C-alpha atoms as a PDB file:
ATOM      1  CA  MET A   1      11.110  -8.231 -41.549  1.00  0.00           C
ATOM      2  CA  LYS A   2       7.446  -7.299 -40.991  1.00  0.00           C
ATOM      3  CA  TYR A   3       6.784 -10.867 -39.870  1.00  0.00           C
ATOM      4  CA  LEU A   4       9.581 -10.713 -37.296  1.00  0.00           C
ATOM      5  CA  ILE A   5       8.341  -7.388 -35.891  1.00  0.00           C
ATOM      6  CA  GLY A   6       4.822  -8.836 -35.698  1.00  0.00           C
ATOM      7  CA  VAL A   7       6.044 -11.907 -33.806  1.00  0.00           C
ATOM      8  CA  ILE A   8       8.073  -9.787 -31.367  1.00  0.00           C
ATOM      9  CA  PHE A   9       5.149  -7.409 -30.783  1.00  0.00           C
ATOM     10  CA  THR A  10       2.652 -10.261 -30.265  1.00  0.00           C
ATOM     11  CA  THR A  11       5.000 -12.054 -27.866  1.00  0.00           C
ATOM     12  CA  ALA A  12       5.556  -8.871 -25.856  1.00  0.00           C
ATOM     13  CA  VAL A  13       1.806  -8.221 -25.575  1.00  0.00           C
ATOM     14  CA  LEU A  14       1.101 -11.800 -24.488  1.00  0.00           C
ATOM     15  CA  LEU A  15       3.837 -11.678 -21.846  1.00  0.00           C
ATOM     16  CA  LEU A  16       2.572  -8.358 -20.503  1.00  0.00           C
ATOM     17  CA  LEU A  17      -1.037  -9.554 -20.311  1.00  0.00           C
ATOM     18  CA  GLY A  18      -0.468 -13.027 -18.930  1.00  0.00           C
ATOM     19  CA  GLY A  19       3.232 -13.555 -18.347  1.00  0.00           C
ATOM     20  CA  HIS A  20       2.872 -13.539 -14.595  1.00  0.00           C
ATOM     21  CA  HIS A  21       0.943 -16.822 -14.921  1.00  0.00           C
ATOM     22  CA  LEU A  22       4.317 -18.375 -15.762  1.00  0.00           C
ATOM     23  CA  THR A  23       5.637 -17.452 -12.307  1.00  0.00           C
ATOM     24  CA  GLU A  24       2.987 -19.182 -10.166  1.00  0.00           C
ATOM     25  CA  GLU A  25       4.281 -20.792  -6.996  1.00  0.00           C
ATOM     26  CA  ILE A  26       2.678 -22.402  -3.945  1.00  0.00           C
ATOM     27  CA  VAL A  27       4.313 -21.135  -0.744  1.00  0.00           C
ATOM     28  CA  TYR A  28       3.786 -21.986   2.918  1.00  0.00           C
ATOM     29  CA  VAL A  29       4.122 -18.892   5.104  1.00  0.00           C
ATOM     30  CA  LYS A  30       3.730 -17.684   8.652  1.00  0.00           C
ATOM     31  CA  ILE A  31       2.219 -14.208   8.880  1.00  0.00           C
ATOM     32  CA  LYS A  32       4.456 -11.780  10.797  1.00  0.00           C
ATOM     33  CA  ASN A  33       2.493  -8.591  10.153  1.00  0.00           C
ATOM     34  CA  LYS A  34       0.127  -6.974   7.680  1.00  0.00           C
ATOM     35  CA  GLU A  35      -0.753  -3.398   6.794  1.00  0.00           C
ATOM     36  CA  VAL A  36      -2.768  -1.253   4.442  1.00  0.00           C
ATOM     37  CA  LYS A  37      -0.806   1.425   2.602  1.00  0.00           C
ATOM     38  CA  PRO A  38      -2.227   4.223   0.435  1.00  0.00           C
ATOM     39  CA  LEU A  39      -0.820   4.311  -3.085  1.00  0.00           C
ATOM     40  CA  ASN A  40      -0.725   8.105  -3.087  1.00  0.00           C
ATOM     41  CA  LYS A  41      -0.913  11.001  -0.629  1.00  0.00           C
ATOM     42  CA  GLU A  42      -4.452  11.919  -1.629  1.00  0.00           C
ATOM     43  CA  GLY A  43      -5.769   8.558  -0.412  1.00  0.00           C
ATOM     44  CA  GLY A  44      -8.130   6.600  -2.620  1.00  0.00           C
ATOM     45  CA  GLU A  45      -6.602   3.328  -3.791  1.00  0.00           C
ATOM     46  CA  THR A  46      -4.697   1.266  -1.253  1.00  0.00           C
ATOM     47  CA  VAL A  47      -2.389  -1.728  -1.309  1.00  0.00           C
ATOM     48  CA  TYR A  48      -2.426  -4.589   1.172  1.00  0.00           C
ATOM     49  CA  GLN A  49       1.072  -5.689   2.228  1.00  0.00           C
ATOM     50  CA  ILE A  50       1.664  -8.994   4.006  1.00  0.00           C
ATOM     51  CA  TYR A  51       4.940  -9.594   5.889  1.00  0.00           C
ATOM     52  CA  THR A  52       5.814 -13.292   6.179  1.00  0.00           C
ATOM     53  CA  THR A  53       8.389 -15.887   7.101  1.00  0.00           C
ATOM     54  CA  ILE A  54       8.716 -18.635   4.494  1.00  0.00           C
ATOM     55  CA  LEU A  55       8.316 -22.210   5.767  1.00  0.00           C
ATOM     56  CA  GLU A  56      10.703 -24.894   4.520  1.00  0.00           C
ATOM     57  CA  PRO A  57       9.505 -28.490   3.934  1.00  0.00           C
ATOM     58  CA  ILE A  58      10.852 -31.303   6.090  1.00  0.00           C
ATOM     59  CA  ASP A  59      12.261 -33.911   3.690  1.00  0.00           C
ATOM     60  CA  SER A  60      11.324 -36.997   5.662  1.00  0.00           C
ATOM     61  CA  VAL A  61       7.745 -36.030   6.570  1.00  0.00           C
ATOM     62  CA  GLU A  62       4.976 -35.319   4.074  1.00  0.00           C
ATOM     63  CA  ASN A  63       3.053 -32.055   4.591  1.00  0.00           C
ATOM     64  CA  GLU A  64       5.273 -30.989   7.500  1.00  0.00           C
ATOM     65  CA  TYR A  65       7.169 -27.717   7.474  1.00  0.00           C
ATOM     66  CA  VAL A  66       9.675 -25.943   9.679  1.00  0.00           C
ATOM     67  CA  LEU A  67      10.032 -22.193  10.095  1.00  0.00           C
ATOM     68  CA  GLY A  68      12.772 -20.957   7.793  1.00  0.00           C
ATOM     69  CA  ASP A  69      14.950 -17.882   8.083  1.00  0.00           C
ATOM     70  CA  LYS A  70      13.807 -16.284   4.806  1.00  0.00           C
ATOM     71  CA  THR A  71      11.314 -13.448   5.035  1.00  0.00           C
ATOM     72  CA  GLU A  72       9.293 -12.004   2.189  1.00  0.00           C
ATOM     73  CA  VAL A  73       6.724  -9.282   1.697  1.00  0.00           C
ATOM     74  CA  PHE A  74       3.754  -9.990  -0.570  1.00  0.00           C
ATOM     75  CA  THR A  75       0.999  -7.769  -1.855  1.00  0.00           C
ATOM     76  CA  ASN A  76      -2.616  -8.835  -1.823  1.00  0.00           C
ATOM     77  CA  SER A  77      -4.388  -7.083  -4.670  1.00  0.00           C
ATOM     78  CA  ASP A  78      -7.188  -7.870  -7.083  1.00  0.00           C
ATOM     79  CA  ASP A  79      -6.065  -9.565 -10.289  1.00  0.00           C
ATOM     80  CA  TRP A  80      -8.476  -9.754 -13.215  1.00  0.00           C
ATOM     81  CA  THR A  81      -6.427 -12.454 -14.969  1.00  0.00           C
ATOM     82  CA  TYR A  82      -7.140 -14.780 -12.019  1.00  0.00           C
ATOM     83  CA  PHE A  83     -10.716 -13.510 -11.553  1.00  0.00           C
ATOM     84  CA  LYS A  84      -9.683 -12.410  -8.060  1.00  0.00           C
ATOM     85  CA  TRP A  85     -11.852  -9.575  -6.752  1.00  0.00           C
ATOM     86  CA  ASN A  86     -11.732 -10.299  -3.011  1.00  0.00           C
ATOM     87  CA  SER A  87      -8.406  -8.896  -1.826  1.00  0.00           C
ATOM     88  CA  SER A  88     -10.004  -7.064   1.100  1.00  0.00           C
ATOM     89  CA  ASP A  89     -11.709 -10.301   2.229  1.00  0.00           C
ATOM     90  CA  VAL A  90      -8.426 -12.237   1.966  1.00  0.00           C
ATOM     91  CA  TYR A  91      -6.676  -9.498   3.952  1.00  0.00           C
ATOM     92  CA  GLY A  92      -9.314  -9.770   6.667  1.00  0.00           C
ATOM     93  CA  GLU A  93      -8.915 -13.564   6.894  1.00  0.00           C
ATOM     94  CA  LEU A  94      -5.143 -13.435   7.433  1.00  0.00           C
ATOM     95  CA  GLU A  95      -4.214 -13.604  11.114  1.00  0.00           C
ATOM     96  CA  LYS A  96      -0.843 -12.728  12.609  1.00  0.00           C
ATOM     97  CA  ASP A  97       1.274 -15.746  13.692  1.00  0.00           C
ATOM     98  CA  SER A  98      -0.909 -18.131  11.649  1.00  0.00           C
ATOM     99  CA  ILE A  99       0.371 -20.463   8.926  1.00  0.00           C
ATOM    100  CA  TYR A 100      -1.121 -20.446   5.421  1.00  0.00           C
ATOM    101  CA  ARG A 101      -0.627 -22.066   2.052  1.00  0.00           C
ATOM    102  CA  ILE A 102      -0.804 -19.415  -0.657  1.00  0.00           C
ATOM    103  CA  LYS A 103      -0.433 -19.226  -4.410  1.00  0.00           C
ATOM    104  CA  VAL A 104       1.674 -16.259  -5.460  1.00  0.00           C
ATOM    105  CA  THR A 105       2.571 -14.854  -8.833  1.00  0.00           C
ATOM    106  CA  GLY A 106       4.873 -12.216 -10.239  1.00  0.00           C
ATOM    107  CA  PHE A 107       8.369 -11.082  -9.401  1.00  0.00           C
ATOM    108  CA  ARG A 108      10.059  -9.250  -6.543  1.00  0.00           C
ATOM    109  CA  ILE A 109      11.710  -6.196  -8.085  1.00  0.00           C
ATOM    110  CA  GLN A 110      13.478  -4.314  -5.314  1.00  0.00           C
ATOM    111  CA  PHE A 111      14.344  -1.047  -7.038  1.00  0.00           C
ATOM    112  CA  LEU A 112      10.695  -0.654  -8.123  1.00  0.00           C
ATOM    113  CA  SER A 113       9.324  -1.765  -4.725  1.00  0.00           C
ATOM    114  CA  LYS A 114       7.303  -4.431  -6.549  1.00  0.00           C
ATOM    115  CA  TYR A 115       6.263  -7.572  -4.669  1.00  0.00           C
ATOM    116  CA  ARG A 116       4.779 -10.912  -5.627  1.00  0.00           C
ATOM    117  CA  ASN A 117       0.986 -10.968  -5.381  1.00  0.00           C
ATOM    118  CA  ILE A 118      -1.132 -13.426  -3.424  1.00  0.00           C
ATOM    119  CA  VAL A 119      -3.758 -14.760  -5.839  1.00  0.00           C
ATOM    120  CA  VAL A 120      -5.161 -17.712  -3.844  1.00  0.00           C
ATOM    121  CA  LEU A 121      -5.389 -18.312  -0.101  1.00  0.00           C
ATOM    122  CA  TYR A 122      -5.900 -22.018   0.574  1.00  0.00           C
ATOM    123  CA  LYS A 123      -7.813 -23.114   3.641  1.00  0.00           C
ATOM    124  CA  ASN A 124      -5.837 -25.451   5.923  1.00  0.00           C
END
């Protein structure tokens, strides 16, 4: 019984610390808008939100994409598990109506207002 509790506890800790690495995805997006939102009324820490339209691949042409009808909001925040400390620089590089290839991680949880996070911005 102690062994089982130990395995469950260890698994839970590992998933909490690095489980979002299991959700990595490369996405092509067109930037619709972006904004900086304070996390609380007193100011201090902020969150960068990126509003996008997801691009869909064209089956017959390699590396060609067409604008889809799915929209998604991403956050752009520092992530120590990816050694990402440049979220403000990434935010500054993103331009409205431009197309980017990004690596995102995490889950979209609507009732918690939680969004997937941009961890890598690839240069086109």
